[in-house]
Amino acid sequence: MQVFETFRSIQGEGTRAGLATWIVRLAGCDLACAYCDTPAARDAAAGRAASVESLVEEIDAAPLPWVLITGGEPLLQAAEVNRLADALIGRGCAGHGPPGRGRAREVLVETSGAHPIDLLDPRCVRIVDLKTPGSGMADRTCWRNVDLLTERDEVKFVLTGRADYEWAKDVVRQHGLLDRATVLFGAAAPTLEPRTLAGWILKDRLPVRLNVQLHKVLGLP
């Protein structure tokens, strides 16, 4: 696998925000979002080559119950991601859970939504970042993914302003996303403030989760 970086941090987004998590950031992305916060990871040759076995060994040396595979775009290395997920999912984490039993590990995979998510091991929690017009990449969306979502999955919208917000509201309504998965609305810095987005959500009584990047608030990677 081509790995841009690995580290432990506090999960900053989604329904598991606040949890200590292993982050495996893969290299290579075929999109160029206007607000990309890790542009160096778009280079498919960035970082280092690593075997699945070496990654499992690294993670097991300081085990945590949650592993997030992100990028870049993990689905460009789908076969290797599935091998890694298979090696990690369900493995007990010593010190997490009842005595004698570790907590079963979960693997989350964050993807741009430009590739079919059924490429992934179905045991993974899939976090699908549906690209808005403000990202400049909305035309790359694989809309078939909407029909593949389950209640375990999460759909994330990163919004650059009011136009993106209205667009995302329409997508949520037209595709019945609230009945399919957890829906997250986040603000893209510096064009939209989370407080402003929160005000819009409150005014519209929109039943979505405000997605604030907790790790950035804390100054963590």
C-alpha atoms as a PDB file:
ATOM      1  CA  MET A   1       0.000   0.000   0.000  1.00  0.00           C
ATOM      2  CA  GLN A   2       1.096   3.564  -0.535  1.00  0.00           C
ATOM      3  CA  VAL A   3       0.676   5.276   2.838  1.00  0.00           C
ATOM      4  CA  PHE A   4       0.998   9.020   3.289  1.00  0.00           C
ATOM      5  CA  GLU A   5       1.045   8.903   7.106  1.00  0.00           C
ATOM      6  CA  THR A   6      -0.164   6.990  10.160  1.00  0.00           C
ATOM      7  CA  PHE A   7      -0.794   8.459  13.588  1.00  0.00           C
ATOM      8  CA  ARG A   8      -3.039   8.344  16.630  1.00  0.00           C
ATOM      9  CA  SER A   9      -5.370  11.236  17.285  1.00  0.00           C
ATOM     10  CA  ILE A  10      -8.773  12.206  18.557  1.00  0.00           C
ATOM     11  CA  GLN A  11     -11.367  11.455  15.908  1.00  0.00           C
ATOM     12  CA  GLY A  12     -12.541  14.901  14.854  1.00  0.00           C
ATOM     13  CA  GLU A  13     -15.638  14.216  12.786  1.00  0.00           C
ATOM     14  CA  GLY A  14     -18.745  12.082  12.521  1.00  0.00           C
ATOM     15  CA  THR A  15     -20.582  10.020  15.079  1.00  0.00           C
ATOM     16  CA  ARG A  16     -17.341   8.880  16.701  1.00  0.00           C
ATOM     17  CA  ALA A  17     -15.927  12.363  17.270  1.00  0.00           C
ATOM     18  CA  GLY A  18     -13.930  12.555  20.464  1.00  0.00           C
ATOM     19  CA  LEU A  19     -12.720   8.948  20.392  1.00  0.00           C
ATOM     20  CA  ALA A  20      -9.019   8.036  20.349  1.00  0.00           C
ATOM     21  CA  THR A  21      -8.443   6.584  16.883  1.00  0.00           C
ATOM     22  CA  TRP A  22      -5.682   5.257  14.660  1.00  0.00           C
ATOM     23  CA  ILE A  23      -5.563   7.230  11.421  1.00  0.00           C
ATOM     24  CA  VAL A  24      -4.189   5.561   8.293  1.00  0.00           C
ATOM     25  CA  ARG A  25      -3.976   8.187   5.545  1.00  0.00           C
ATOM     26  CA  LEU A  26      -3.321   6.701   2.130  1.00  0.00           C
ATOM     27  CA  ALA A  27      -1.628   8.523  -0.721  1.00  0.00           C
ATOM     28  CA  GLY A  28      -3.241   9.284  -4.056  1.00  0.00           C
ATOM     29  CA  CYS A  29      -6.457  11.056  -4.973  1.00  0.00           C
ATOM     30  CA  ASP A  30      -8.071  11.579  -8.357  1.00  0.00           C
ATOM     31  CA  LEU A  31     -10.035  14.669  -7.261  1.00  0.00           C
ATOM     32  CA  ALA A  32      -8.877  18.233  -6.633  1.00  0.00           C
ATOM     33  CA  CYS A  33     -11.325  19.775  -4.179  1.00  0.00           C
ATOM     34  CA  ALA A  34     -11.100  23.525  -3.746  1.00  0.00           C
ATOM     35  CA  TYR A  35     -10.913  23.190   0.047  1.00  0.00           C
ATOM     36  CA  CYS A  36      -8.621  20.140   0.293  1.00  0.00           C
ATOM     37  CA  ASP A  37      -6.769  20.303   3.624  1.00  0.00           C
ATOM     38  CA  THR A  38      -4.167  17.648   2.768  1.00  0.00           C
ATOM     39  CA  PRO A  39      -3.160  18.427  -0.836  1.00  0.00           C
ATOM     40  CA  ALA A  40       0.206  16.703  -0.419  1.00  0.00           C
ATOM     41  CA  ALA A  41      -1.635  13.399   0.014  1.00  0.00           C
ATOM     42  CA  ARG A  42      -3.098  13.676  -3.495  1.00  0.00           C
ATOM     43  CA  ASP A  43       0.234  12.550  -4.961  1.00  0.00           C
ATOM     44  CA  ALA A  44       0.056   8.781  -5.488  1.00  0.00           C
ATOM     45  CA  ALA A  45       3.820   8.531  -4.927  1.00  0.00           C
ATOM     46  CA  ALA A  46       3.837  10.482  -1.660  1.00  0.00           C
ATOM     47  CA  GLY A  47       4.643   8.892   1.670  1.00  0.00           C
ATOM     48  CA  ARG A  48       5.923   5.341   1.876  1.00  0.00           C
ATOM     49  CA  ALA A  49       5.147   1.875   0.643  1.00  0.00           C
ATOM     50  CA  ALA A  50       3.925  -0.352   3.465  1.00  0.00           C
ATOM     51  CA  SER A  51       2.656  -3.902   3.640  1.00  0.00           C
ATOM     52  CA  VAL A  52      -0.651  -4.768   5.268  1.00  0.00           C
ATOM     53  CA  GLU A  53       1.279  -6.886   7.749  1.00  0.00           C
ATOM     54  CA  SER A  54       3.515  -3.987   8.810  1.00  0.00           C
ATOM     55  CA  LEU A  55       0.497  -1.722   9.316  1.00  0.00           C
ATOM     56  CA  VAL A  56      -1.285  -4.300  11.437  1.00  0.00           C
ATOM     57  CA  GLU A  57       1.869  -4.732  13.520  1.00  0.00           C
ATOM     58  CA  GLU A  58       2.153  -0.953  13.990  1.00  0.00           C
ATOM     59  CA  ILE A  59      -1.486  -0.608  15.027  1.00  0.00           C
ATOM     60  CA  ASP A  60      -1.421  -3.638  17.321  1.00  0.00           C
ATOM     61  CA  ALA A  61       1.643  -2.253  19.111  1.00  0.00           C
ATOM     62  CA  ALA A  62      -0.569   0.515  20.553  1.00  0.00           C
ATOM     63  CA  PRO A  63      -4.085  -0.843  19.974  1.00  0.00           C
ATOM     64  CA  LEU A  64      -7.212   1.273  19.904  1.00  0.00           C
ATOM     65  CA  PRO A  65     -10.768   0.122  19.150  1.00  0.00           C
ATOM     66  CA  TRP A  66     -11.142   2.415  16.140  1.00  0.00           C
ATOM     67  CA  VAL A  67      -9.133   2.705  12.925  1.00  0.00           C
ATOM     68  CA  LEU A  68      -9.967   5.293  10.272  1.00  0.00           C
ATOM     69  CA  ILE A  69      -8.639   4.735   6.756  1.00  0.00           C
ATOM     70  CA  THR A  70      -8.716   7.987   4.830  1.00  0.00           C
ATOM     71  CA  GLY A  71      -6.740   9.775   2.155  1.00  0.00           C
ATOM     72  CA  GLY A  72      -6.166  10.737  -0.432  1.00  0.00           C
ATOM     73  CA  GLU A  73      -8.772   8.336  -1.793  1.00  0.00           C
ATOM     74  CA  PRO A  74      -8.743   4.874  -0.190  1.00  0.00           C
ATOM     75  CA  LEU A  75     -10.819   3.304  -2.961  1.00  0.00           C
ATOM     76  CA  LEU A  76      -7.929   3.782  -5.389  1.00  0.00           C
ATOM     77  CA  GLN A  77      -6.301   1.016  -3.310  1.00  0.00           C
ATOM     78  CA  ALA A  78      -9.503  -0.908  -2.590  1.00  0.00           C
ATOM     79  CA  ALA A  79      -8.000  -4.406  -2.663  1.00  0.00           C
ATOM     80  CA  GLU A  80      -5.300  -3.482  -0.156  1.00  0.00           C
ATOM     81  CA  VAL A  81      -7.789  -1.568   2.013  1.00  0.00           C
ATOM     82  CA  ASN A  82      -9.974  -4.666   2.200  1.00  0.00           C
ATOM     83  CA  ARG A  83      -6.989  -6.816   3.149  1.00  0.00           C
ATOM     84  CA  LEU A  84      -6.120  -4.368   5.926  1.00  0.00           C
ATOM     85  CA  ALA A  85      -9.723  -4.168   7.106  1.00  0.00           C
ATOM     86  CA  ASP A  86     -10.004  -7.953   7.162  1.00  0.00           C
ATOM     87  CA  ALA A  87      -6.860  -8.185   9.294  1.00  0.00           C
ATOM     88  CA  LEU A  88      -8.125  -5.562  11.763  1.00  0.00           C
ATOM     89  CA  ILE A  89     -11.886  -5.941  12.098  1.00  0.00           C
ATOM     90  CA  GLY A  90     -13.005  -7.861  15.136  1.00  0.00           C
ATOM     91  CA  ARG A  91      -9.561  -8.160  16.681  1.00  0.00           C
ATOM     92  CA  GLY A  92      -9.747  -7.559  20.413  1.00  0.00           C
ATOM     93  CA  CYS A  93      -8.017  -4.512  21.867  1.00  0.00           C
ATOM     94  CA  ALA A  94      -6.459  -5.271  25.236  1.00  0.00           C
ATOM     95  CA  GLY A  95      -7.573  -2.874  27.934  1.00  0.00           C
ATOM     96  CA  HIS A  96     -10.746  -1.899  26.089  1.00  0.00           C
ATOM     97  CA  GLY A  97     -13.807  -3.814  27.203  1.00  0.00           C
ATOM     98  CA  PRO A  98     -14.685  -6.447  29.849  1.00  0.00           C
ATOM     99  CA  PRO A  99     -11.866  -8.332  31.605  1.00  0.00           C
ATOM    100  CA  GLY A 100     -10.500 -11.105  29.442  1.00  0.00           C
ATOM    101  CA  ARG A 101     -12.108  -9.718  26.326  1.00  0.00           C
ATOM    102  CA  GLY A 102     -10.895  -6.828  24.247  1.00  0.00           C
ATOM    103  CA  ARG A 103     -13.343  -4.534  22.515  1.00  0.00           C
ATOM    104  CA  ALA A 104     -13.836  -5.646  18.921  1.00  0.00           C
ATOM    105  CA  ARG A 105     -12.117  -3.220  16.606  1.00  0.00           C
ATOM    106  CA  GLU A 106     -14.067  -1.156  14.076  1.00  0.00           C
ATOM    107  CA  VAL A 107     -12.653   0.050  10.764  1.00  0.00           C
ATOM    108  CA  LEU A 108     -14.012   3.227   9.219  1.00  0.00           C
ATOM    109  CA  VAL A 109     -13.235   4.216   5.630  1.00  0.00           C
ATOM    110  CA  GLU A 110     -13.674   7.797   4.422  1.00  0.00           C
ATOM    111  CA  THR A 111     -14.151   8.156   0.668  1.00  0.00           C
ATOM    112  CA  SER A 112     -14.928  10.994  -1.722  1.00  0.00           C
ATOM    113  CA  GLY A 113     -18.022   9.324  -3.137  1.00  0.00           C
ATOM    114  CA  ALA A 114     -16.517   9.325  -6.625  1.00  0.00           C
ATOM    115  CA  HIS A 115     -16.115   5.528  -6.629  1.00  0.00           C
ATOM    116  CA  PRO A 116     -18.609   2.724  -5.897  1.00  0.00           C
ATOM    117  CA  ILE A 117     -18.596   2.005  -2.184  1.00  0.00           C
ATOM    118  CA  ASP A 118     -19.529  -1.633  -2.711  1.00  0.00           C
ATOM    119  CA  LEU A 119     -15.856  -2.130  -3.535  1.00  0.00           C
ATOM    120  CA  LEU A 120     -15.311  -2.074   0.239  1.00  0.00           C
ATOM    121  CA  ASP A 121     -15.590  -4.919   2.714  1.00  0.00           C
ATOM    122  CA  PRO A 122     -19.204  -4.592   3.960  1.00  0.00           C
ATOM    123  CA  ARG A 123     -18.025  -4.811   7.558  1.00  0.00           C
ATOM    124  CA  CYS A 124     -16.387  -1.390   7.232  1.00  0.00           C
ATOM    125  CA  VAL A 125     -18.244   1.735   8.298  1.00  0.00           C
ATOM    126  CA  ARG A 126     -18.338   3.852   5.146  1.00  0.00           C
ATOM    127  CA  ILE A 127     -18.127   7.647   5.444  1.00  0.00           C
ATOM    128  CA  VAL A 128     -19.096   9.081   2.070  1.00  0.00           C
ATOM    129  CA  ASP A 129     -18.114  12.704   1.401  1.00  0.00           C
ATOM    130  CA  LEU A 130     -20.650  13.856  -1.197  1.00  0.00           C
ATOM    131  CA  LYS A 131     -18.924  16.642  -3.080  1.00  0.00           C
ATOM    132  CA  THR A 132     -20.783  19.947  -3.315  1.00  0.00           C
ATOM    133  CA  PRO A 133     -20.638  22.418  -6.233  1.00  0.00           C
ATOM    134  CA  GLY A 134     -18.322  24.594  -4.134  1.00  0.00           C
ATOM    135  CA  SER A 135     -15.763  21.794  -4.061  1.00  0.00           C
ATOM    136  CA  GLY A 136     -15.497  21.931  -7.848  1.00  0.00           C
ATOM    137  CA  MET A 137     -15.892  18.142  -7.941  1.00  0.00           C
ATOM    138  CA  ALA A 138     -19.661  17.581  -7.732  1.00  0.00           C
ATOM    139  CA  ASP A 139     -19.731  16.210 -11.281  1.00  0.00           C
ATOM    140  CA  ARG A 140     -17.536  13.292 -10.167  1.00  0.00           C
ATOM    141  CA  THR A 141     -20.118  11.915  -7.738  1.00  0.00           C
ATOM    142  CA  CYS A 142     -21.095   8.268  -8.144  1.00  0.00           C
ATOM    143  CA  TRP A 143     -24.803   8.595  -7.360  1.00  0.00           C
ATOM    144  CA  ARG A 144     -25.263   4.832  -7.312  1.00  0.00           C
ATOM    145  CA  ASN A 145     -23.678   4.981  -3.866  1.00  0.00           C
ATOM    146  CA  VAL A 146     -26.882   6.450  -2.424  1.00  0.00           C
ATOM    147  CA  ASP A 147     -28.668   3.141  -3.019  1.00  0.00           C
ATOM    148  CA  LEU A 148     -25.789   1.250  -1.396  1.00  0.00           C
ATOM    149  CA  LEU A 149     -25.904   3.125   1.927  1.00  0.00           C
ATOM    150  CA  THR A 150     -26.882   1.372   5.136  1.00  0.00           C
ATOM    151  CA  GLU A 151     -27.785   2.719   8.555  1.00  0.00           C
ATOM    152  CA  ARG A 152     -24.195   2.009   9.660  1.00  0.00           C
ATOM    153  CA  ASP A 153     -22.821   4.462   7.099  1.00  0.00           C
ATOM    154  CA  GLU A 154     -22.393   8.233   7.237  1.00  0.00           C
ATOM    155  CA  VAL A 155     -22.813  10.862   4.530  1.00  0.00           C
ATOM    156  CA  LYS A 156     -20.778  14.041   4.861  1.00  0.00           C
ATOM    157  CA  PHE A 157     -21.283  17.367   3.088  1.00  0.00           C
ATOM    158  CA  VAL A 158     -18.523  20.000   3.287  1.00  0.00           C
ATOM    159  CA  LEU A 159     -20.171  23.329   2.544  1.00  0.00           C
ATOM    160  CA  THR A 160     -18.453  26.440   1.231  1.00  0.00           C
ATOM    161  CA  GLY A 161     -21.437  28.783   1.611  1.00  0.00           C
ATOM    162  CA  ARG A 162     -25.181  29.244   1.355  1.00  0.00           C
ATOM    163  CA  ALA A 163     -25.439  27.884  -2.190  1.00  0.00           C
ATOM    164  CA  ASP A 164     -23.794  24.618  -1.112  1.00  0.00           C
ATOM    165  CA  TYR A 165     -26.110  24.455   1.903  1.00  0.00           C
ATOM    166  CA  GLU A 166     -29.232  24.779  -0.238  1.00  0.00           C
ATOM    167  CA  TRP A 167     -27.829  22.232  -2.701  1.00  0.00           C
ATOM    168  CA  ALA A 168     -27.104  19.766   0.105  1.00  0.00           C
ATOM    169  CA  LYS A 169     -30.589  20.214   1.576  1.00  0.00           C
ATOM    170  CA  ASP A 170     -32.084  19.356  -1.811  1.00  0.00           C
ATOM    171  CA  VAL A 171     -29.876  16.267  -2.161  1.00  0.00           C
ATOM    172  CA  VAL A 172     -30.834  15.073   1.330  1.00  0.00           C
ATOM    173  CA  ARG A 173     -34.522  15.496   0.561  1.00  0.00           C
ATOM    174  CA  GLN A 174     -34.534  14.125  -2.989  1.00  0.00           C
ATOM    175  CA  HIS A 175     -32.586  10.989  -2.073  1.00  0.00           C
ATOM    176  CA  GLY A 176     -34.161  10.366   1.343  1.00  0.00           C
ATOM    177  CA  LEU A 177     -30.731  10.346   2.943  1.00  0.00           C
ATOM    178  CA  LEU A 178     -32.031  10.828   6.482  1.00  0.00           C
ATOM    179  CA  ASP A 179     -33.733   7.437   6.202  1.00  0.00           C
ATOM    180  CA  ARG A 180     -30.604   5.768   4.848  1.00  0.00           C
ATOM    181  CA  ALA A 181     -27.639   6.928   6.944  1.00  0.00           C
ATOM    182  CA  THR A 182     -26.355   9.542   9.379  1.00  0.00           C
ATOM    183  CA  VAL A 183     -26.063  12.901   7.600  1.00  0.00           C
ATOM    184  CA  LEU A 184     -23.310  15.373   8.531  1.00  0.00           C
ATOM    185  CA  PHE A 185     -23.046  19.030   7.485  1.00  0.00           C
ATOM    186  CA  GLY A 186     -19.659  20.709   7.941  1.00  0.00           C
ATOM    187  CA  ALA A 187     -18.264  24.151   7.138  1.00  0.00           C
ATOM    188  CA  ALA A 188     -15.306  24.547   4.789  1.00  0.00           C
ATOM    189  CA  ALA A 189     -12.741  26.961   6.224  1.00  0.00           C
ATOM    190  CA  PRO A 190     -12.284  29.816   5.642  1.00  0.00           C
ATOM    191  CA  THR A 191     -15.320  30.447   3.426  1.00  0.00           C
ATOM    192  CA  LEU A 192     -17.980  29.380   5.943  1.00  0.00           C
ATOM    193  CA  GLU A 193     -17.989  29.592   9.741  1.00  0.00           C
ATOM    194  CA  PRO A 194     -19.427  26.654  11.726  1.00  0.00           C
ATOM    195  CA  ARG A 195     -21.479  29.108  13.802  1.00  0.00           C
ATOM    196  CA  THR A 196     -23.134  30.447  10.654  1.00  0.00           C
ATOM    197  CA  LEU A 197     -23.910  26.933   9.463  1.00  0.00           C
ATOM    198  CA  ALA A 198     -25.322  26.078  12.890  1.00  0.00           C
ATOM    199  CA  GLY A 199     -27.668  29.054  12.607  1.00  0.00           C
ATOM    200  CA  TRP A 200     -28.979  27.869   9.237  1.00  0.00           C
ATOM    201  CA  ILE A 201     -29.553  24.346  10.581  1.00  0.00           C
ATOM    202  CA  LEU A 202     -31.420  25.693  13.596  1.00  0.00           C
ATOM    203  CA  LYS A 203     -33.573  28.066  11.560  1.00  0.00           C
ATOM    204  CA  ASP A 204     -34.549  25.305   9.137  1.00  0.00           C
ATOM    205  CA  ARG A 205     -34.930  22.723  11.941  1.00  0.00           C
ATOM    206  CA  LEU A 206     -32.852  20.406   9.794  1.00  0.00           C
ATOM    207  CA  PRO A 207     -32.282  16.983  11.448  1.00  0.00           C
ATOM    208  CA  VAL A 208     -28.633  16.666  10.451  1.00  0.00           C
ATOM    209  CA  ARG A 209     -25.514  16.561  12.610  1.00  0.00           C
ATOM    210  CA  LEU A 210     -23.284  19.653  12.651  1.00  0.00           C
ATOM    211  CA  ASN A 211     -19.824  18.349  11.810  1.00  0.00           C
ATOM    212  CA  VAL A 212     -17.129  20.424  13.547  1.00  0.00           C
ATOM    213  CA  GLN A 213     -13.532  19.267  13.099  1.00  0.00           C
ATOM    214  CA  LEU A 214     -12.745  18.662  16.759  1.00  0.00           C
ATOM    215  CA  HIS A 215      -9.144  17.671  16.117  1.00  0.00           C
ATOM    216  CA  LYS A 216      -8.467  21.077  14.563  1.00  0.00           C
ATOM    217  CA  VAL A 217     -10.100  22.837  17.515  1.00  0.00           C
ATOM    218  CA  LEU A 218      -7.676  20.921  19.728  1.00  0.00           C
ATOM    219  CA  GLY A 219      -4.685  21.603  17.489  1.00  0.00           C
ATOM    220  CA  LEU A 220      -4.170  17.903  16.753  1.00  0.00           C
ATOM    221  CA  PRO A 221      -3.272  16.303  13.417  1.00  0.00           C
END
